Amino acid sequence: MPKFTGIEGITVEEHLELFYSYADNLDISEVDVWMRVFVQSLDGEARKWFRELTPRSIADIEALDDAFLKHWGDKKYLLYYHTEFVNLKRESGESLSDFNKRLLYVQ
């Protein structure tokens, strides 16, 4: 089973893709079972986040995906930023102006 902790290099979208593939292999058709299995794929801070949700605030799989994406999505993790920072180098022959422009588009 894929695990999502919220602090490792895997994105929310990657985790959802891995989880959906895993769940499809198990042939889960009941919504409550699907959601319980999904919760088992969360670990650490991500599981803590889920446990702190208001009881019965998640009605179905789509609502769970939405809440998960809203909370954990669009965040790039510390490891990502560290790797990007370490890899930033001015190319041989690159002007300082061009290097600065390139930095503006690093995402």
N, C-alpha and C. Protein backbone atom coordinates (compact mmCIF):
# COMPACT_ATOMS: atom_id res chain seq x y z
N MET A 1 0.85 -1.17 0.00
CA MET A 1 0.00 0.00 0.00
C MET A 1 0.90 1.24 0.00
N PRO A 2 0.62 2.18 -0.89
CA PRO A 2 1.41 3.42 -0.89
C PRO A 2 1.12 4.23 0.37
N LYS A 3 2.11 4.94 0.85
CA LYS A 3 1.95 5.76 2.06
C LYS A 3 2.23 7.22 1.74
N PHE A 4 1.46 8.11 2.36
CA PHE A 4 1.66 9.54 2.23
C PHE A 4 1.82 10.13 3.61
N THR A 5 2.94 10.83 3.83
CA THR A 5 3.20 11.42 5.15
C THR A 5 3.07 12.94 5.14
N GLY A 6 3.14 13.54 3.97
CA GLY A 6 3.08 14.99 3.88
C GLY A 6 4.43 15.67 3.95
N ILE A 7 5.49 14.90 4.21
CA ILE A 7 6.81 15.51 4.30
C ILE A 7 7.82 14.90 3.34
N GLU A 8 7.45 13.86 2.65
CA GLU A 8 8.38 13.21 1.73
C GLU A 8 8.19 13.77 0.33
N GLY A 9 9.00 13.32 -0.60
CA GLY A 9 9.03 13.86 -1.94
C GLY A 9 7.84 13.54 -2.82
N ILE A 10 6.93 12.71 -2.39
CA ILE A 10 5.78 12.35 -3.22
C ILE A 10 4.70 13.43 -3.15
N THR A 11 4.13 13.77 -4.28
CA THR A 11 3.08 14.79 -4.30
C THR A 11 1.72 14.16 -3.98
N VAL A 12 0.76 15.00 -3.71
CA VAL A 12 -0.60 14.55 -3.43
C VAL A 12 -1.15 13.83 -4.66
N GLU A 13 -0.93 14.41 -5.83
CA GLU A 13 -1.44 13.81 -7.06
C GLU A 13 -0.82 12.45 -7.31
N GLU A 14 0.48 12.31 -7.05
CA GLU A 14 1.15 11.02 -7.21
C GLU A 14 0.58 9.99 -6.23
N HIS A 15 0.36 10.43 -5.00
CA HIS A 15 -0.19 9.51 -4.01
C HIS A 15 -1.59 9.04 -4.41
N LEU A 16 -2.42 9.98 -4.84
CA LEU A 16 -3.77 9.59 -5.25
C LEU A 16 -3.74 8.61 -6.42
N GLU A 17 -2.86 8.85 -7.37
CA GLU A 17 -2.73 7.94 -8.51
C GLU A 17 -2.30 6.55 -8.05
N LEU A 18 -1.31 6.50 -7.18
CA LEU A 18 -0.84 5.21 -6.65
C LEU A 18 -1.93 4.52 -5.83
N PHE A 19 -2.64 5.31 -5.01
CA PHE A 19 -3.69 4.72 -4.20
C PHE A 19 -4.83 4.19 -5.04
N TYR A 20 -5.27 4.96 -6.04
CA TYR A 20 -6.36 4.49 -6.91
C TYR A 20 -5.98 3.19 -7.62
N SER A 21 -4.75 3.09 -8.05
CA SER A 21 -4.28 1.86 -8.69
C SER A 21 -4.31 0.71 -7.69
N TYR A 22 -3.84 0.97 -6.48
CA TYR A 22 -3.84 -0.05 -5.42
C TYR A 22 -5.27 -0.49 -5.11
N ALA A 23 -6.18 0.47 -4.95
CA ALA A 23 -7.57 0.15 -4.62
C ALA A 23 -8.26 -0.59 -5.76
N ASP A 24 -7.95 -0.22 -6.99
CA ASP A 24 -8.52 -0.94 -8.14
C ASP A 24 -8.11 -2.40 -8.13
N ASN A 25 -6.86 -2.67 -7.76
CA ASN A 25 -6.38 -4.05 -7.68
C ASN A 25 -7.11 -4.85 -6.61
N LEU A 26 -7.56 -4.15 -5.56
CA LEU A 26 -8.30 -4.83 -4.49
C LEU A 26 -9.79 -4.97 -4.83
N ASP A 27 -10.22 -4.30 -5.90
CA ASP A 27 -11.61 -4.34 -6.36
C ASP A 27 -12.57 -3.88 -5.27
N ILE A 28 -12.25 -2.74 -4.67
CA ILE A 28 -13.09 -2.17 -3.62
C ILE A 28 -14.26 -1.44 -4.27
N SER A 29 -15.47 -1.77 -3.87
CA SER A 29 -16.64 -1.11 -4.46
C SER A 29 -17.47 -0.35 -3.42
N GLU A 30 -17.32 -0.66 -2.16
CA GLU A 30 -18.08 0.01 -1.10
C GLU A 30 -17.35 1.29 -0.68
N VAL A 31 -18.08 2.40 -0.64
CA VAL A 31 -17.49 3.70 -0.34
C VAL A 31 -16.84 3.72 1.04
N ASP A 32 -17.52 3.18 2.05
CA ASP A 32 -16.96 3.23 3.39
C ASP A 32 -15.68 2.42 3.50
N VAL A 33 -15.61 1.30 2.79
CA VAL A 33 -14.39 0.48 2.78
C VAL A 33 -13.27 1.24 2.08
N TRP A 34 -13.60 1.84 0.94
CA TRP A 34 -12.63 2.62 0.17
C TRP A 34 -12.01 3.71 1.04
N MET A 35 -12.87 4.43 1.76
CA MET A 35 -12.38 5.54 2.59
C MET A 35 -11.54 5.03 3.76
N ARG A 36 -11.93 3.92 4.34
CA ARG A 36 -11.15 3.36 5.45
C ARG A 36 -9.78 2.88 4.98
N VAL A 37 -9.73 2.31 3.78
CA VAL A 37 -8.45 1.87 3.23
C VAL A 37 -7.60 3.08 2.90
N PHE A 38 -8.22 4.14 2.36
CA PHE A 38 -7.46 5.35 2.05
C PHE A 38 -6.80 5.91 3.30
N VAL A 39 -7.53 5.95 4.39
CA VAL A 39 -6.98 6.47 5.64
C VAL A 39 -5.75 5.66 6.05
N GLN A 40 -5.76 4.37 5.77
CA GLN A 40 -4.61 3.53 6.10
C GLN A 40 -3.39 3.88 5.26
N SER A 41 -3.61 4.60 4.14
CA SER A 41 -2.48 5.01 3.30
C SER A 41 -1.84 6.30 3.80
N LEU A 42 -2.42 6.90 4.82
CA LEU A 42 -1.88 8.13 5.40
C LEU A 42 -1.04 7.79 6.61
N ASP A 43 0.03 8.55 6.78
CA ASP A 43 0.92 8.30 7.91
C ASP A 43 1.41 9.64 8.46
N GLY A 44 1.86 9.66 9.67
CA GLY A 44 2.45 10.85 10.26
C GLY A 44 1.50 12.03 10.30
N GLU A 45 1.98 13.18 9.81
CA GLU A 45 1.18 14.41 9.84
C GLU A 45 -0.09 14.28 9.01
N ALA A 46 -0.03 13.54 7.92
CA ALA A 46 -1.22 13.37 7.07
C ALA A 46 -2.31 12.61 7.83
N ARG A 47 -1.94 11.58 8.55
CA ARG A 47 -2.93 10.84 9.33
C ARG A 47 -3.47 11.70 10.47
N LYS A 48 -2.57 12.46 11.09
CA LYS A 48 -3.00 13.37 12.16
C LYS A 48 -4.02 14.36 11.62
N TRP A 49 -3.75 14.92 10.42
CA TRP A 49 -4.69 15.84 9.78
C TRP A 49 -6.05 15.19 9.61
N PHE A 50 -6.07 13.95 9.11
CA PHE A 50 -7.33 13.27 8.89
C PHE A 50 -8.09 13.05 10.19
N ARG A 51 -7.40 12.64 11.22
CA ARG A 51 -8.04 12.39 12.51
C ARG A 51 -8.62 13.66 13.13
N GLU A 52 -8.09 14.82 12.74
CA GLU A 52 -8.58 16.08 13.28
C GLU A 52 -9.75 16.66 12.49
N LEU A 53 -10.14 16.00 11.39
CA LEU A 53 -11.31 16.46 10.63
C LEU A 53 -12.56 16.30 11.49
N THR A 54 -13.51 17.17 11.27
CA THR A 54 -14.78 17.09 11.98
C THR A 54 -15.47 15.77 11.63
N PRO A 55 -15.95 15.03 12.62
CA PRO A 55 -16.65 13.77 12.31
C PRO A 55 -17.79 14.00 11.32
N ARG A 56 -17.93 13.08 10.39
CA ARG A 56 -18.96 13.09 9.35
C ARG A 56 -18.86 14.30 8.40
N SER A 57 -17.70 14.93 8.34
CA SER A 57 -17.52 16.05 7.43
C SER A 57 -17.16 15.60 6.01
N ILE A 58 -16.82 14.34 5.86
CA ILE A 58 -16.47 13.77 4.56
C ILE A 58 -17.56 12.78 4.18
N ALA A 59 -18.35 13.16 3.16
CA ALA A 59 -19.51 12.35 2.80
C ALA A 59 -19.20 11.23 1.81
N ASP A 60 -18.21 11.45 0.93
CA ASP A 60 -17.93 10.46 -0.09
C ASP A 60 -16.47 10.57 -0.56
N ILE A 61 -16.12 9.74 -1.51
CA ILE A 61 -14.74 9.70 -2.01
C ILE A 61 -14.33 11.03 -2.61
N GLU A 62 -15.23 11.66 -3.36
CA GLU A 62 -14.91 12.93 -3.99
C GLU A 62 -14.62 14.00 -2.94
N ALA A 63 -15.41 14.02 -1.87
CA ALA A 63 -15.19 14.99 -0.80
C ALA A 63 -13.86 14.72 -0.10
N LEU A 64 -13.52 13.45 0.06
CA LEU A 64 -12.24 13.11 0.68
C LEU A 64 -11.09 13.57 -0.21
N ASP A 65 -11.19 13.29 -1.51
CA ASP A 65 -10.16 13.75 -2.45
C ASP A 65 -10.03 15.26 -2.40
N ASP A 66 -11.16 15.98 -2.42
CA ASP A 66 -11.14 17.44 -2.40
C ASP A 66 -10.46 17.97 -1.13
N ALA A 67 -10.85 17.44 0.01
CA ALA A 67 -10.27 17.89 1.28
C ALA A 67 -8.78 17.59 1.32
N PHE A 68 -8.40 16.42 0.84
CA PHE A 68 -7.00 16.00 0.81
C PHE A 68 -6.19 16.92 -0.10
N LEU A 69 -6.72 17.18 -1.30
CA LEU A 69 -6.03 18.06 -2.26
C LEU A 69 -5.93 19.49 -1.74
N LYS A 70 -7.00 19.98 -1.13
CA LYS A 70 -6.99 21.36 -0.62
C LYS A 70 -5.97 21.53 0.49
N HIS A 71 -5.87 20.53 1.35
CA HIS A 71 -4.95 20.66 2.48
C HIS A 71 -3.51 20.38 2.09
N TRP A 72 -3.28 19.33 1.33
CA TRP A 72 -1.92 18.88 1.04
C TRP A 72 -1.42 19.24 -0.36
N GLY A 73 -2.33 19.58 -1.26
CA GLY A 73 -1.94 19.89 -2.63
C GLY A 73 -1.31 21.27 -2.74
N ASP A 74 -0.72 21.51 -3.90
CA ASP A 74 -0.08 22.79 -4.20
C ASP A 74 1.00 23.15 -3.20
N LYS A 75 1.45 22.20 -2.45
CA LYS A 75 2.56 22.44 -1.53
C LYS A 75 3.74 21.65 -2.06
N LYS A 76 4.85 22.31 -2.14
CA LYS A 76 6.06 21.59 -2.52
C LYS A 76 6.83 21.37 -1.23
N TYR A 77 7.36 20.22 -1.10
CA TYR A 77 7.93 19.81 0.15
C TYR A 77 9.36 20.29 0.30
N LEU A 78 9.82 20.34 1.52
CA LEU A 78 11.15 20.81 1.86
C LEU A 78 12.20 20.13 1.00
N LEU A 79 12.09 18.84 0.80
CA LEU A 79 13.06 18.11 -0.01
C LEU A 79 13.09 18.67 -1.43
N TYR A 80 11.92 19.00 -1.98
CA TYR A 80 11.86 19.57 -3.32
C TYR A 80 12.62 20.89 -3.37
N TYR A 81 12.33 21.78 -2.42
CA TYR A 81 13.00 23.08 -2.41
C TYR A 81 14.50 22.95 -2.20
N HIS A 82 14.88 22.05 -1.34
CA HIS A 82 16.31 21.84 -1.09
C HIS A 82 17.00 21.38 -2.36
N THR A 83 16.42 20.42 -3.05
CA THR A 83 17.00 19.89 -4.29
C THR A 83 17.07 20.99 -5.34
N GLU A 84 16.00 21.75 -5.50
CA GLU A 84 16.00 22.84 -6.48
C GLU A 84 17.07 23.87 -6.14
N PHE A 85 17.21 24.23 -4.89
CA PHE A 85 18.19 25.22 -4.49
C PHE A 85 19.60 24.74 -4.77
N VAL A 86 19.89 23.49 -4.42
CA VAL A 86 21.22 22.93 -4.63
C VAL A 86 21.56 22.90 -6.13
N ASN A 87 20.56 22.67 -6.97
CA ASN A 87 20.81 22.57 -8.40
C ASN A 87 20.88 23.91 -9.13
N LEU A 88 20.59 25.00 -8.44
CA LEU A 88 20.65 26.32 -9.08
C LEU A 88 22.09 26.74 -9.28
N LYS A 89 22.48 26.90 -10.53
CA LYS A 89 23.83 27.33 -10.85
C LYS A 89 23.77 28.19 -12.10
N ARG A 90 24.59 29.16 -12.12
CA ARG A 90 24.71 29.99 -13.32
C ARG A 90 25.48 29.19 -14.36
N GLU A 91 24.92 29.08 -15.53
CA GLU A 91 25.55 28.31 -16.61
C GLU A 91 26.79 29.05 -17.11
N SER A 92 27.72 28.26 -17.63
CA SER A 92 28.92 28.84 -18.20
C SER A 92 28.54 29.79 -19.34
N GLY A 93 28.99 31.03 -19.26
CA GLY A 93 28.70 32.01 -20.30
C GLY A 93 27.35 32.70 -20.14
N GLU A 94 26.57 32.32 -19.15
CA GLU A 94 25.26 32.92 -18.93
C GLU A 94 25.43 34.26 -18.20
N SER A 95 24.78 35.28 -18.71
CA SER A 95 24.87 36.59 -18.06
C SER A 95 24.09 36.56 -16.75
N LEU A 96 24.44 37.45 -15.85
CA LEU A 96 23.74 37.53 -14.58
C LEU A 96 22.28 37.89 -14.80
N SER A 97 22.01 38.74 -15.76
CA SER A 97 20.64 39.12 -16.09
C SER A 97 19.83 37.91 -16.56
N ASP A 98 20.41 37.09 -17.45
CA ASP A 98 19.72 35.89 -17.94
C ASP A 98 19.52 34.88 -16.82
N PHE A 99 20.51 34.74 -15.95
CA PHE A 99 20.39 33.83 -14.82
C PHE A 99 19.24 34.27 -13.91
N ASN A 100 19.15 35.55 -13.63
CA ASN A 100 18.05 36.07 -12.80
C ASN A 100 16.69 35.83 -13.44
N LYS A 101 16.59 36.01 -14.75
CA LYS A 101 15.33 35.75 -15.45
C LYS A 101 14.95 34.27 -15.33
N ARG A 102 15.95 33.40 -15.46
CA ARG A 102 15.69 31.96 -15.35
C ARG A 102 15.20 31.61 -13.95
N LEU A 103 15.76 32.26 -12.95
CA LEU A 103 15.35 32.00 -11.56
C LEU A 103 13.89 32.36 -11.34
N LEU A 104 13.41 33.36 -12.02
CA LEU A 104 12.02 33.77 -11.85
C LEU A 104 11.04 32.69 -12.31
N TYR A 105 11.49 31.79 -13.19
CA TYR A 105 10.60 30.77 -13.73
C TYR A 105 10.80 29.40 -13.12
N VAL A 106 11.63 29.29 -12.09
CA VAL A 106 11.80 28.02 -11.40
C VAL A 106 10.57 27.79 -10.54
N GLN A 107 9.93 26.63 -10.74
CA GLN A 107 8.72 26.33 -9.97
C GLN A 107 8.78 24.94 -9.42
